[in-house]
Amino acid sequence: MPAITPSLWFDNDLEAAAEFYTSIFPNSSIEELHRTTGAGPGDPGDVLSGFFVLDGTRFIGINGGPHFQFSEAVSFMVHCKDQAEVDYYWNRLVDGGEESQCGWLKDRFGLSWQIVPDRLFELINDPDPARATAATKAMLGMRKIVVAELEEASANA
């Protein structure tokens, strides 16, 4: 089966982005960076493209210039086992970026992430429709997902 590798288009900060992401996720590394030569584009030695791995998932990035920007149409979901993991990934990825809602954020490079505790899916899929609705309504009012608040809303339904 062929491998699928997400490709990310950066303005001119691929190396900084790869260093940022690999510092956050375990089992991560920058595999290789390809630098331009005298043939261009850019100045000799500038990073043109490169591969990095985030917790076992391989990505390729290119410094393609300002022609294209990231949007919320594509995001990466980080499944978290508990609130501690939510807090860890949220706090690090949002640093220099901006919060959105329902567990979404944009990092300092404009890439969208969903930081989601596994418990969210359990609560919004509760067989009791009132509990599921209460958890969903609670989630819709949050920026960072807070498990205790979801559980409280569900329990009080």
Protein backbone atom coordinates (compact mmCIF):
# COMPACT_ATOMS: atom_id res chain seq x y z
CA MET A 1 0.00 0.00 0.00
CA PRO A 2 1.44 3.40 -0.86
CA ALA A 3 2.23 5.83 1.95
CA ILE A 4 0.32 9.09 2.24
CA THR A 5 2.42 12.02 3.41
CA PRO A 6 0.78 15.35 4.30
CA SER A 7 2.51 18.20 2.50
CA LEU A 8 2.54 21.62 4.16
CA TRP A 9 3.23 24.90 2.32
CA PHE A 10 5.02 27.48 4.43
CA ASP A 11 5.89 31.03 3.45
CA ASN A 12 9.56 30.92 4.42
CA ASP A 13 9.60 29.37 7.90
CA LEU A 14 9.60 25.61 7.36
CA GLU A 15 12.73 25.08 9.44
CA ALA A 16 11.32 27.04 12.41
CA ALA A 17 7.99 25.21 12.10
CA ALA A 18 9.65 21.78 11.99
CA GLU A 19 11.75 22.66 15.05
CA PHE A 20 8.64 23.93 16.87
CA TYR A 21 6.48 20.87 16.11
CA THR A 22 9.21 18.31 16.84
CA SER A 23 9.85 19.97 20.21
CA ILE A 24 6.20 19.40 21.19
CA PHE A 25 5.40 15.86 20.03
CA PRO A 26 7.20 12.77 21.36
CA ASN A 27 8.97 10.41 18.97
CA SER A 28 9.57 13.28 16.55
CA SER A 29 12.49 14.41 14.46
CA ILE A 30 13.56 16.45 11.50
CA GLU A 31 14.69 13.88 8.95
CA GLU A 32 16.24 16.15 6.36
CA LEU A 33 16.19 19.68 5.05
CA HIS A 34 16.87 20.42 1.39
CA ARG A 35 18.65 23.70 0.77
CA THR A 36 18.75 25.71 -2.41
CA THR A 37 21.85 25.89 -4.52
CA GLY A 38 23.09 28.63 -6.80
CA ALA A 39 20.41 27.52 -9.26
CA GLY A 40 17.66 28.91 -6.98
CA PRO A 41 15.01 29.55 -6.06
CA GLY A 42 16.05 31.86 -3.25
CA ASP A 43 19.50 32.44 -1.87
CA PRO A 44 21.98 29.56 -1.73
CA GLY A 45 21.58 27.73 1.57
CA ASP A 46 17.94 28.72 2.14
CA VAL A 47 15.69 25.83 3.13
CA LEU A 48 13.51 24.84 0.18
CA SER A 49 11.86 21.68 1.51
CA GLY A 50 12.24 18.98 4.09
CA PHE A 51 10.82 15.97 5.88
CA PHE A 52 9.92 15.79 9.55
CA VAL A 53 8.15 13.20 11.71
CA LEU A 54 5.62 13.99 14.44
CA ASP A 55 5.03 11.02 16.73
CA GLY A 56 5.44 8.58 13.87
CA THR A 57 3.61 10.55 11.16
CA ARG A 58 5.83 11.79 8.36
CA PHE A 59 5.28 15.24 6.82
CA ILE A 60 6.92 17.10 4.00
CA GLY A 61 7.12 20.86 4.08
CA ILE A 62 8.11 23.40 1.46
CA ASN A 63 8.97 27.05 1.65
CA GLY A 64 6.81 28.15 -1.24
CA GLY A 65 6.36 31.82 -0.46
CA PRO A 66 3.27 33.81 0.49
CA HIS A 67 1.07 32.63 -2.39
CA PHE A 68 -0.96 30.16 -0.32
CA GLN A 69 -1.99 30.26 3.32
CA PHE A 70 -3.30 27.62 5.70
CA SER A 71 -7.02 27.68 6.49
CA GLU A 72 -9.38 25.85 8.82
CA ALA A 73 -10.44 23.73 5.84
CA VAL A 74 -7.57 21.43 6.84
CA SER A 75 -6.57 20.75 10.43
CA PHE A 76 -4.79 18.10 12.46
CA MET A 77 -6.61 16.42 15.32
CA VAL A 78 -4.62 15.46 18.40
CA HIS A 79 -6.42 12.74 20.37
CA CYS A 80 -5.69 13.21 24.07
CA LYS A 81 -6.21 10.60 26.77
CA ASP A 82 -6.96 13.11 29.53
CA GLN A 83 -7.05 16.78 30.56
CA ALA A 84 -3.32 16.84 31.24
CA GLU A 85 -2.61 15.95 27.61
CA VAL A 86 -5.18 18.49 26.39
CA ASP A 87 -3.49 21.18 28.47
CA TYR A 88 -0.01 20.16 27.31
CA TYR A 89 -0.76 20.24 23.56
CA TRP A 90 -3.10 23.23 23.74
CA ASN A 91 -0.68 25.40 25.69
CA ARG A 92 2.29 24.62 23.48
CA LEU A 93 0.59 24.78 20.09
CA VAL A 94 -1.35 27.98 20.83
CA ASP A 95 1.83 29.78 22.01
CA GLY A 96 2.23 32.62 19.52
CA GLY A 97 -0.98 31.59 17.76
CA GLU A 98 -4.64 32.08 18.55
CA GLU A 99 -7.48 30.22 20.21
CA SER A 100 -10.60 29.39 18.29
CA GLN A 101 -13.54 27.41 19.63
CA CYS A 102 -14.56 23.81 20.30
CA GLY A 103 -10.99 22.67 20.84
CA TRP A 104 -9.58 24.37 17.72
CA LEU A 105 -6.57 26.66 17.58
CA LYS A 106 -4.21 28.14 15.03
CA ASP A 107 -0.52 27.88 15.79
CA ARG A 108 2.04 30.63 15.15
CA PHE A 109 2.43 29.42 11.56
CA GLY A 110 -1.31 29.57 10.85
CA LEU A 111 -1.85 25.79 10.88
CA SER A 112 -5.11 24.66 12.50
CA TRP A 113 -5.20 21.99 15.20
CA GLN A 114 -8.01 20.26 17.08
CA ILE A 115 -6.97 19.28 20.60
CA VAL A 116 -9.59 16.76 21.66
CA PRO A 117 -9.88 14.55 24.73
CA ASP A 118 -11.16 11.02 24.07
CA ARG A 119 -13.76 11.65 26.78
CA LEU A 120 -15.46 14.24 24.54
CA PHE A 121 -16.51 11.58 22.04
CA GLU A 122 -17.81 9.33 24.81
CA LEU A 123 -19.93 12.13 26.26
CA ILE A 124 -21.37 13.54 23.03
CA ASN A 125 -22.26 10.01 21.95
CA ASP A 126 -23.92 9.09 25.25
CA PRO A 127 -26.96 6.83 24.63
CA ASP A 128 -29.03 9.25 26.73
CA PRO A 129 -29.92 12.06 24.28
CA ALA A 130 -30.24 14.65 27.08
CA ARG A 131 -26.74 13.90 28.36
CA ALA A 132 -25.27 13.90 24.85
CA THR A 133 -26.98 17.21 24.06
CA ALA A 134 -25.76 18.79 27.31
CA ALA A 135 -22.17 17.72 26.63
CA THR A 136 -22.37 19.00 23.06
CA LYS A 137 -23.75 22.37 24.17
CA ALA A 138 -21.00 22.66 26.78
CA MET A 139 -18.33 21.88 24.16
CA LEU A 140 -19.76 24.48 21.77
CA GLY A 141 -19.19 27.17 24.39
CA MET A 142 -15.54 26.30 25.01
CA ARG A 143 -12.28 27.30 23.45
CA LYS A 144 -9.96 24.71 25.03
CA ILE A 145 -11.95 21.59 25.91
CA VAL A 146 -12.26 21.10 29.67
CA VAL A 147 -13.27 17.53 30.50
CA ALA A 148 -14.59 18.33 33.99
CA GLU A 149 -17.00 20.92 32.55
CA LEU A 150 -18.23 18.45 29.93
CA GLU A 151 -18.80 15.79 32.58
CA GLU A 152 -20.61 18.27 34.84
CA ALA A 153 -22.92 19.39 32.03
CA SER A 154 -23.67 15.78 31.11
CA ALA A 155 -24.29 14.74 34.73
CA ASN A 156 -26.70 17.66 35.28
CA ALA A 157 -28.80 16.90 32.19
